[in-house]
Amino acid sequence: MPEKEGSPSGERTTGFLDTCKSVVAAISSALHTRLELFVTELEEERERLKQTLLLTLLLFFGLSFGFILLNIFAVALFWEKGWLLALGALAGLYLCVGVIAGVMLRKKILTRPSLFPATLAELGKDRDRLKASSRE
């Protein structure tokens, strides 16, 4: 015999469905918030990368032309005597600068911060909350 809506069993079914809907809504809301945070951090990282690339290209362009013109100036200055020594000294200087820059770049790459720290922290908090609530 089917039970009426007002019966205790019908109330439990409705309460269970409402609870399930609430849990799904809460999880959906949390995932949506975390996804928005992830997207925001991804956009910030993309902008930082674009700025870094642009500045690197400008740095390379400016320094390349500056060093070429400096080399021409130094060789012209010592043209009468010692032009070969001037070229050797400039080559040594540029090699030293390149080695130092390479070491600094390696250090920077090896010590760079992790990607998406805020998103990972929030997901960790969510995991801890879910573990704590499942134990209760």
N, C-alpha and C. Protein backbone atom coordinates (compact mmCIF):
# COMPACT_ATOMS: atom_id res chain seq x y z
N MET A 1 0.84 -1.18 0.00
CA MET A 1 0.00 0.00 0.00
C MET A 1 0.88 1.24 0.00
N PRO A 2 0.69 2.16 -0.93
CA PRO A 2 1.53 3.36 -0.98
C PRO A 2 1.29 4.26 0.22
N GLU A 3 2.40 4.85 0.67
CA GLU A 3 2.30 5.72 1.84
C GLU A 3 2.00 7.14 1.42
N LYS A 4 1.32 7.84 2.29
CA LYS A 4 0.96 9.23 2.00
C LYS A 4 2.15 10.13 2.25
N GLU A 5 2.07 11.31 1.67
CA GLU A 5 3.17 12.27 1.82
C GLU A 5 3.39 12.66 3.26
N GLY A 6 2.40 12.70 4.04
CA GLY A 6 2.49 13.14 5.42
C GLY A 6 3.06 12.08 6.34
N SER A 7 3.25 10.87 5.85
CA SER A 7 3.75 9.80 6.72
C SER A 7 5.23 9.99 7.01
N PRO A 8 5.70 9.38 8.10
CA PRO A 8 7.10 9.51 8.49
C PRO A 8 8.06 9.01 7.42
N SER A 9 7.72 7.95 6.73
CA SER A 9 8.62 7.41 5.71
C SER A 9 8.76 8.38 4.53
N GLY A 10 7.68 9.01 4.15
CA GLY A 10 7.72 9.99 3.06
C GLY A 10 8.55 11.20 3.43
N GLU A 11 8.50 11.59 4.70
CA GLU A 11 9.29 12.73 5.15
C GLU A 11 10.78 12.41 5.10
N ARG A 12 11.15 11.16 5.44
CA ARG A 12 12.56 10.78 5.41
C ARG A 12 13.08 10.80 3.98
N THR A 13 12.30 10.35 3.04
CA THR A 13 12.72 10.34 1.64
C THR A 13 12.91 11.76 1.14
N THR A 14 11.97 12.61 1.44
CA THR A 14 12.08 14.01 1.03
C THR A 14 13.27 14.66 1.73
N GLY A 15 13.48 14.40 3.00
CA GLY A 15 14.61 14.96 3.73
C GLY A 15 15.93 14.48 3.17
N PHE A 16 15.99 13.19 2.80
CA PHE A 16 17.21 12.63 2.23
C PHE A 16 17.53 13.28 0.89
N LEU A 17 16.51 13.45 0.06
CA LEU A 17 16.72 14.09 -1.25
C LEU A 17 17.16 15.54 -1.09
N ASP A 18 16.54 16.23 -0.14
CA ASP A 18 16.94 17.62 0.11
C ASP A 18 18.39 17.69 0.59
N THR A 19 18.76 16.75 1.45
CA THR A 19 20.14 16.71 1.94
C THR A 19 21.10 16.44 0.79
N CYS A 20 20.75 15.48 -0.06
CA CYS A 20 21.60 15.17 -1.22
C CYS A 20 21.73 16.37 -2.14
N LYS A 21 20.62 17.07 -2.38
CA LYS A 21 20.66 18.26 -3.22
C LYS A 21 21.54 19.34 -2.59
N SER A 22 21.45 19.49 -1.29
CA SER A 22 22.26 20.49 -0.60
C SER A 22 23.75 20.15 -0.70
N VAL A 23 24.08 18.88 -0.53
CA VAL A 23 25.48 18.44 -0.62
C VAL A 23 26.01 18.66 -2.04
N VAL A 24 25.22 18.28 -3.03
CA VAL A 24 25.64 18.47 -4.43
C VAL A 24 25.79 19.97 -4.73
N ALA A 25 24.88 20.78 -4.24
CA ALA A 25 24.97 22.22 -4.46
C ALA A 25 26.22 22.80 -3.78
N ALA A 26 26.52 22.34 -2.57
CA ALA A 26 27.70 22.83 -1.87
C ALA A 26 28.98 22.43 -2.59
N ILE A 27 29.05 21.18 -3.03
CA ILE A 27 30.22 20.71 -3.77
C ILE A 27 30.37 21.45 -5.09
N SER A 28 29.26 21.63 -5.76
CA SER A 28 29.27 22.36 -7.03
C SER A 28 29.75 23.80 -6.82
N SER A 29 29.26 24.43 -5.77
CA SER A 29 29.67 25.81 -5.47
C SER A 29 31.15 25.88 -5.14
N ALA A 30 31.65 24.93 -4.36
CA ALA A 30 33.07 24.92 -4.00
C ALA A 30 33.93 24.69 -5.23
N LEU A 31 33.53 23.76 -6.09
CA LEU A 31 34.30 23.51 -7.31
C LEU A 31 34.28 24.72 -8.23
N HIS A 32 33.14 25.37 -8.31
CA HIS A 32 33.04 26.57 -9.15
C HIS A 32 33.98 27.66 -8.64
N THR A 33 33.99 27.86 -7.33
CA THR A 33 34.87 28.87 -6.74
C THR A 33 36.34 28.53 -6.98
N ARG A 34 36.69 27.26 -6.80
CA ARG A 34 38.08 26.84 -7.00
C ARG A 34 38.48 26.97 -8.47
N LEU A 35 37.57 26.67 -9.35
CA LEU A 35 37.85 26.80 -10.78
C LEU A 35 38.04 28.27 -11.16
N GLU A 36 37.22 29.15 -10.62
CA GLU A 36 37.40 30.58 -10.87
C GLU A 36 38.75 31.06 -10.36
N LEU A 37 39.15 30.61 -9.19
CA LEU A 37 40.45 30.96 -8.64
C LEU A 37 41.58 30.45 -9.53
N PHE A 38 41.45 29.22 -10.00
CA PHE A 38 42.44 28.64 -10.89
C PHE A 38 42.56 29.43 -12.19
N VAL A 39 41.44 29.79 -12.77
CA VAL A 39 41.44 30.56 -14.02
C VAL A 39 42.08 31.93 -13.80
N THR A 40 41.77 32.56 -12.68
CA THR A 40 42.36 33.87 -12.38
C THR A 40 43.87 33.75 -12.25
N GLU A 41 44.33 32.74 -11.53
CA GLU A 41 45.78 32.56 -11.39
C GLU A 41 46.43 32.22 -12.72
N LEU A 42 45.74 31.46 -13.55
CA LEU A 42 46.27 31.11 -14.86
C LEU A 42 46.40 32.36 -15.74
N GLU A 43 45.41 33.24 -15.69
CA GLU A 43 45.48 34.50 -16.44
C GLU A 43 46.61 35.39 -15.93
N GLU A 44 46.79 35.44 -14.60
CA GLU A 44 47.89 36.23 -14.04
C GLU A 44 49.24 35.67 -14.49
N GLU A 45 49.36 34.36 -14.50
CA GLU A 45 50.61 33.72 -14.92
C GLU A 45 50.87 34.00 -16.40
N ARG A 46 49.83 33.96 -17.21
CA ARG A 46 49.97 34.24 -18.64
C ARG A 46 50.43 35.68 -18.87
N GLU A 47 49.83 36.61 -18.15
CA GLU A 47 50.23 38.01 -18.28
C GLU A 47 51.68 38.22 -17.83
N ARG A 48 52.07 37.57 -16.73
CA ARG A 48 53.44 37.69 -16.25
C ARG A 48 54.41 37.12 -17.27
N LEU A 49 54.04 36.01 -17.89
CA LEU A 49 54.89 35.40 -18.90
C LEU A 49 55.01 36.29 -20.13
N LYS A 50 53.90 36.90 -20.54
CA LYS A 50 53.96 37.82 -21.69
C LYS A 50 54.84 39.02 -21.40
N GLN A 51 54.72 39.59 -20.20
CA GLN A 51 55.56 40.73 -19.84
C GLN A 51 57.03 40.33 -19.78
N THR A 52 57.30 39.17 -19.22
CA THR A 52 58.68 38.70 -19.13
C THR A 52 59.25 38.47 -20.52
N LEU A 53 58.49 37.88 -21.40
CA LEU A 53 58.95 37.63 -22.76
C LEU A 53 59.22 38.95 -23.50
N LEU A 54 58.31 39.89 -23.38
CA LEU A 54 58.49 41.18 -24.03
C LEU A 54 59.72 41.91 -23.51
N LEU A 55 59.89 41.93 -22.20
CA LEU A 55 61.06 42.59 -21.62
C LEU A 55 62.35 41.88 -22.01
N THR A 56 62.31 40.55 -22.10
CA THR A 56 63.48 39.79 -22.52
C THR A 56 63.86 40.12 -23.95
N LEU A 57 62.85 40.19 -24.82
CA LEU A 57 63.13 40.54 -26.21
C LEU A 57 63.69 41.96 -26.34
N LEU A 58 63.11 42.90 -25.61
CA LEU A 58 63.62 44.27 -25.64
C LEU A 58 65.03 44.34 -25.09
N LEU A 59 65.29 43.60 -24.02
CA LEU A 59 66.63 43.55 -23.44
C LEU A 59 67.62 42.98 -24.45
N PHE A 60 67.28 41.89 -25.07
CA PHE A 60 68.17 41.27 -26.05
C PHE A 60 68.41 42.20 -27.24
N PHE A 61 67.36 42.80 -27.74
CA PHE A 61 67.48 43.71 -28.88
C PHE A 61 68.37 44.91 -28.53
N GLY A 62 68.09 45.57 -27.43
CA GLY A 62 68.86 46.76 -27.05
C GLY A 62 70.31 46.44 -26.74
N LEU A 63 70.54 45.40 -25.96
CA LEU A 63 71.91 45.05 -25.61
C LEU A 63 72.70 44.55 -26.82
N SER A 64 72.05 43.82 -27.72
CA SER A 64 72.75 43.34 -28.91
C SER A 64 73.26 44.50 -29.75
N PHE A 65 72.41 45.45 -30.06
CA PHE A 65 72.85 46.59 -30.85
C PHE A 65 73.86 47.44 -30.10
N GLY A 66 73.65 47.59 -28.81
CA GLY A 66 74.61 48.36 -28.02
C GLY A 66 75.98 47.72 -28.01
N PHE A 67 76.05 46.41 -27.83
CA PHE A 67 77.34 45.72 -27.82
C PHE A 67 77.99 45.73 -29.20
N ILE A 68 77.21 45.59 -30.25
CA ILE A 68 77.77 45.65 -31.60
C ILE A 68 78.39 47.02 -31.85
N LEU A 69 77.66 48.07 -31.51
CA LEU A 69 78.19 49.42 -31.71
C LEU A 69 79.39 49.69 -30.80
N LEU A 70 79.36 49.16 -29.58
CA LEU A 70 80.51 49.31 -28.68
C LEU A 70 81.73 48.60 -29.23
N ASN A 71 81.55 47.44 -29.81
CA ASN A 71 82.66 46.72 -30.43
C ASN A 71 83.25 47.50 -31.59
N ILE A 72 82.39 48.01 -32.44
CA ILE A 72 82.88 48.80 -33.58
C ILE A 72 83.64 50.02 -33.08
N PHE A 73 83.11 50.68 -32.06
CA PHE A 73 83.78 51.85 -31.48
C PHE A 73 85.15 51.48 -30.90
N ALA A 74 85.20 50.39 -30.13
CA ALA A 74 86.46 49.99 -29.49
C ALA A 74 87.49 49.59 -30.54
N VAL A 75 87.09 48.85 -31.55
CA VAL A 75 88.04 48.46 -32.60
C VAL A 75 88.51 49.68 -33.36
N ALA A 76 87.62 50.62 -33.67
CA ALA A 76 88.01 51.84 -34.38
C ALA A 76 88.94 52.68 -33.51
N LEU A 77 88.72 52.70 -32.22
CA LEU A 77 89.55 53.48 -31.30
C LEU A 77 90.98 52.93 -31.26
N PHE A 78 91.13 51.63 -31.31
CA PHE A 78 92.46 51.01 -31.26
C PHE A 78 92.91 50.49 -32.63
N TRP A 79 92.44 51.10 -33.68
CA TRP A 79 92.74 50.62 -35.03
C TRP A 79 94.23 50.67 -35.35
N GLU A 80 94.87 51.72 -34.97
CA GLU A 80 96.29 51.89 -35.29
C GLU A 80 97.15 50.84 -34.57
N LYS A 81 96.90 50.63 -33.31
CA LYS A 81 97.69 49.63 -32.60
C LYS A 81 96.81 48.97 -31.53
N GLY A 82 96.85 47.67 -31.50
CA GLY A 82 96.14 46.96 -30.48
C GLY A 82 94.70 46.60 -30.79
N TRP A 83 94.28 46.65 -32.02
CA TRP A 83 92.89 46.34 -32.34
C TRP A 83 92.57 44.87 -32.09
N LEU A 84 93.57 44.00 -32.28
CA LEU A 84 93.36 42.59 -32.02
C LEU A 84 93.18 42.33 -30.52
N LEU A 85 93.97 43.04 -29.71
CA LEU A 85 93.83 42.94 -28.26
C LEU A 85 92.46 43.45 -27.80
N ALA A 86 91.99 44.53 -28.42
CA ALA A 86 90.67 45.08 -28.08
C ALA A 86 89.57 44.07 -28.39
N LEU A 87 89.66 43.40 -29.54
CA LEU A 87 88.65 42.38 -29.88
C LEU A 87 88.69 41.22 -28.90
N GLY A 88 89.88 40.78 -28.52
CA GLY A 88 90.01 39.68 -27.57
C GLY A 88 89.46 40.05 -26.20
N ALA A 89 89.75 41.26 -25.74
CA ALA A 89 89.25 41.70 -24.44
C ALA A 89 87.73 41.79 -24.44
N LEU A 90 87.14 42.33 -25.51
CA LEU A 90 85.68 42.41 -25.59
C LEU A 90 85.04 41.03 -25.65
N ALA A 91 85.66 40.11 -26.39
CA ALA A 91 85.12 38.75 -26.47
C ALA A 91 85.16 38.09 -25.09
N GLY A 92 86.26 38.27 -24.35
CA GLY A 92 86.36 37.72 -23.00
C GLY A 92 85.31 38.32 -22.07
N LEU A 93 85.11 39.62 -22.18
CA LEU A 93 84.10 40.29 -21.35
C LEU A 93 82.71 39.73 -21.63
N TYR A 94 82.37 39.57 -22.90
CA TYR A 94 81.05 39.08 -23.25
C TYR A 94 80.87 37.62 -22.83
N LEU A 95 81.92 36.82 -22.93
CA LEU A 95 81.82 35.45 -22.47
C LEU A 95 81.59 35.39 -20.95
N CYS A 96 82.27 36.25 -20.20
CA CYS A 96 82.06 36.30 -18.74
C CYS A 96 80.63 36.72 -18.41
N VAL A 97 80.13 37.72 -19.09
CA VAL A 97 78.75 38.16 -18.88
C VAL A 97 77.77 37.03 -19.20
N GLY A 98 78.02 36.32 -20.30
CA GLY A 98 77.15 35.21 -20.69
C GLY A 98 77.15 34.08 -19.67
N VAL A 99 78.33 33.74 -19.15
CA VAL A 99 78.42 32.67 -18.15
C VAL A 99 77.70 33.09 -16.87
N ILE A 100 77.92 34.31 -16.42
CA ILE A 100 77.25 34.80 -15.21
C ILE A 100 75.73 34.82 -15.39
N ALA A 101 75.28 35.28 -16.57
CA ALA A 101 73.84 35.30 -16.84
C ALA A 101 73.27 33.89 -16.88
N GLY A 102 74.02 32.95 -17.45
CA GLY A 102 73.56 31.56 -17.49
C GLY A 102 73.42 30.95 -16.11
N VAL A 103 74.39 31.23 -15.24
CA VAL A 103 74.33 30.72 -13.87
C VAL A 103 73.14 31.34 -13.12
N MET A 104 72.94 32.64 -13.31
CA MET A 104 71.82 33.30 -12.64
C MET A 104 70.47 32.77 -13.16
N LEU A 105 70.38 32.54 -14.47
CA LEU A 105 69.15 32.01 -15.06
C LEU A 105 68.87 30.60 -14.54
N ARG A 106 69.89 29.78 -14.46
CA ARG A 106 69.73 28.43 -13.93
C ARG A 106 69.22 28.47 -12.49
N LYS A 107 69.82 29.36 -11.69
CA LYS A 107 69.40 29.49 -10.29
C LYS A 107 67.94 29.94 -10.22
N LYS A 108 67.57 30.90 -11.07
CA LYS A 108 66.19 31.42 -11.05
C LYS A 108 65.20 30.34 -11.46
N ILE A 109 65.55 29.53 -12.44
CA ILE A 109 64.65 28.47 -12.90
C ILE A 109 64.50 27.40 -11.83
N LEU A 110 65.60 27.06 -11.16
CA LEU A 110 65.54 26.01 -10.15
C LEU A 110 64.82 26.45 -8.87
N THR A 111 64.77 27.76 -8.60
CA THR A 111 64.15 28.25 -7.37
C THR A 111 62.83 28.98 -7.61
N ARG A 112 62.25 28.80 -8.78
CA ARG A 112 61.00 29.51 -9.05
C ARG A 112 59.88 28.96 -8.18
N PRO A 113 58.91 29.81 -7.82
CA PRO A 113 57.81 29.34 -6.98
C PRO A 113 56.89 28.42 -7.76
N SER A 114 56.12 27.62 -7.03
CA SER A 114 55.21 26.69 -7.68
C SER A 114 54.05 27.46 -8.34
N LEU A 115 53.43 26.80 -9.29
CA LEU A 115 52.29 27.40 -9.98
C LEU A 115 51.02 27.23 -9.14
N PHE A 116 50.17 28.21 -9.19
CA PHE A 116 48.85 28.19 -8.59
C PHE A 116 48.86 27.89 -7.10
N PRO A 117 49.62 28.63 -6.31
CA PRO A 117 49.69 28.32 -4.88
C PRO A 117 48.36 28.53 -4.15
N ALA A 118 47.62 29.55 -4.51
CA ALA A 118 46.35 29.82 -3.81
C ALA A 118 45.32 28.72 -4.12
N THR A 119 45.27 28.28 -5.37
CA THR A 119 44.33 27.22 -5.73
C THR A 119 44.67 25.94 -5.00
N LEU A 120 45.95 25.59 -4.98
CA LEU A 120 46.36 24.36 -4.29
C LEU A 120 46.09 24.45 -2.79
N ALA A 121 46.30 25.63 -2.21
CA ALA A 121 46.03 25.79 -0.78
C ALA A 121 44.54 25.62 -0.48
N GLU A 122 43.69 26.21 -1.31
CA GLU A 122 42.25 26.09 -1.09
C GLU A 122 41.79 24.64 -1.29
N LEU A 123 42.33 23.96 -2.29
CA LEU A 123 41.96 22.56 -2.49
C LEU A 123 42.43 21.71 -1.31
N GLY A 124 43.58 22.03 -0.75
CA GLY A 124 44.06 21.33 0.43
C GLY A 124 43.14 21.55 1.62
N LYS A 125 42.69 22.78 1.80
CA LYS A 125 41.74 23.07 2.89
C LYS A 125 40.44 22.29 2.68
N ASP A 126 39.96 22.25 1.43
CA ASP A 126 38.74 21.50 1.14
C ASP A 126 38.92 20.02 1.49
N ARG A 127 40.07 19.45 1.09
CA ARG A 127 40.34 18.04 1.38
C ARG A 127 40.35 17.80 2.89
N ASP A 128 41.01 18.70 3.63
CA ASP A 128 41.06 18.54 5.09
C ASP A 128 39.67 18.64 5.72
N ARG A 129 38.85 19.56 5.24
CA ARG A 129 37.49 19.69 5.77
C ARG A 129 36.66 18.44 5.48
N LEU A 130 36.82 17.91 4.26
CA LEU A 130 36.06 16.70 3.92
C LEU A 130 36.51 15.51 4.76
N LYS A 131 37.81 15.40 5.02
CA LYS A 131 38.30 14.32 5.86
C LYS A 131 37.78 14.47 7.28
N ALA A 132 37.80 15.71 7.80
CA ALA A 132 37.31 15.95 9.16
C ALA A 132 35.82 15.66 9.27
N SER A 133 35.05 16.05 8.26
CA SER A 133 33.60 15.83 8.33
C SER A 133 33.26 14.35 8.13
N SER A 134 34.07 13.62 7.41
CA SER A 134 33.78 12.20 7.21
C SER A 134 34.09 11.38 8.44
N ARG A 135 34.99 11.86 9.30
CA ARG A 135 35.34 11.17 10.54
C ARG A 135 34.26 11.34 11.61
N GLU A 136 33.51 12.41 11.52
CA GLU A 136 32.49 12.71 12.55
C GLU A 136 31.26 11.90 12.38
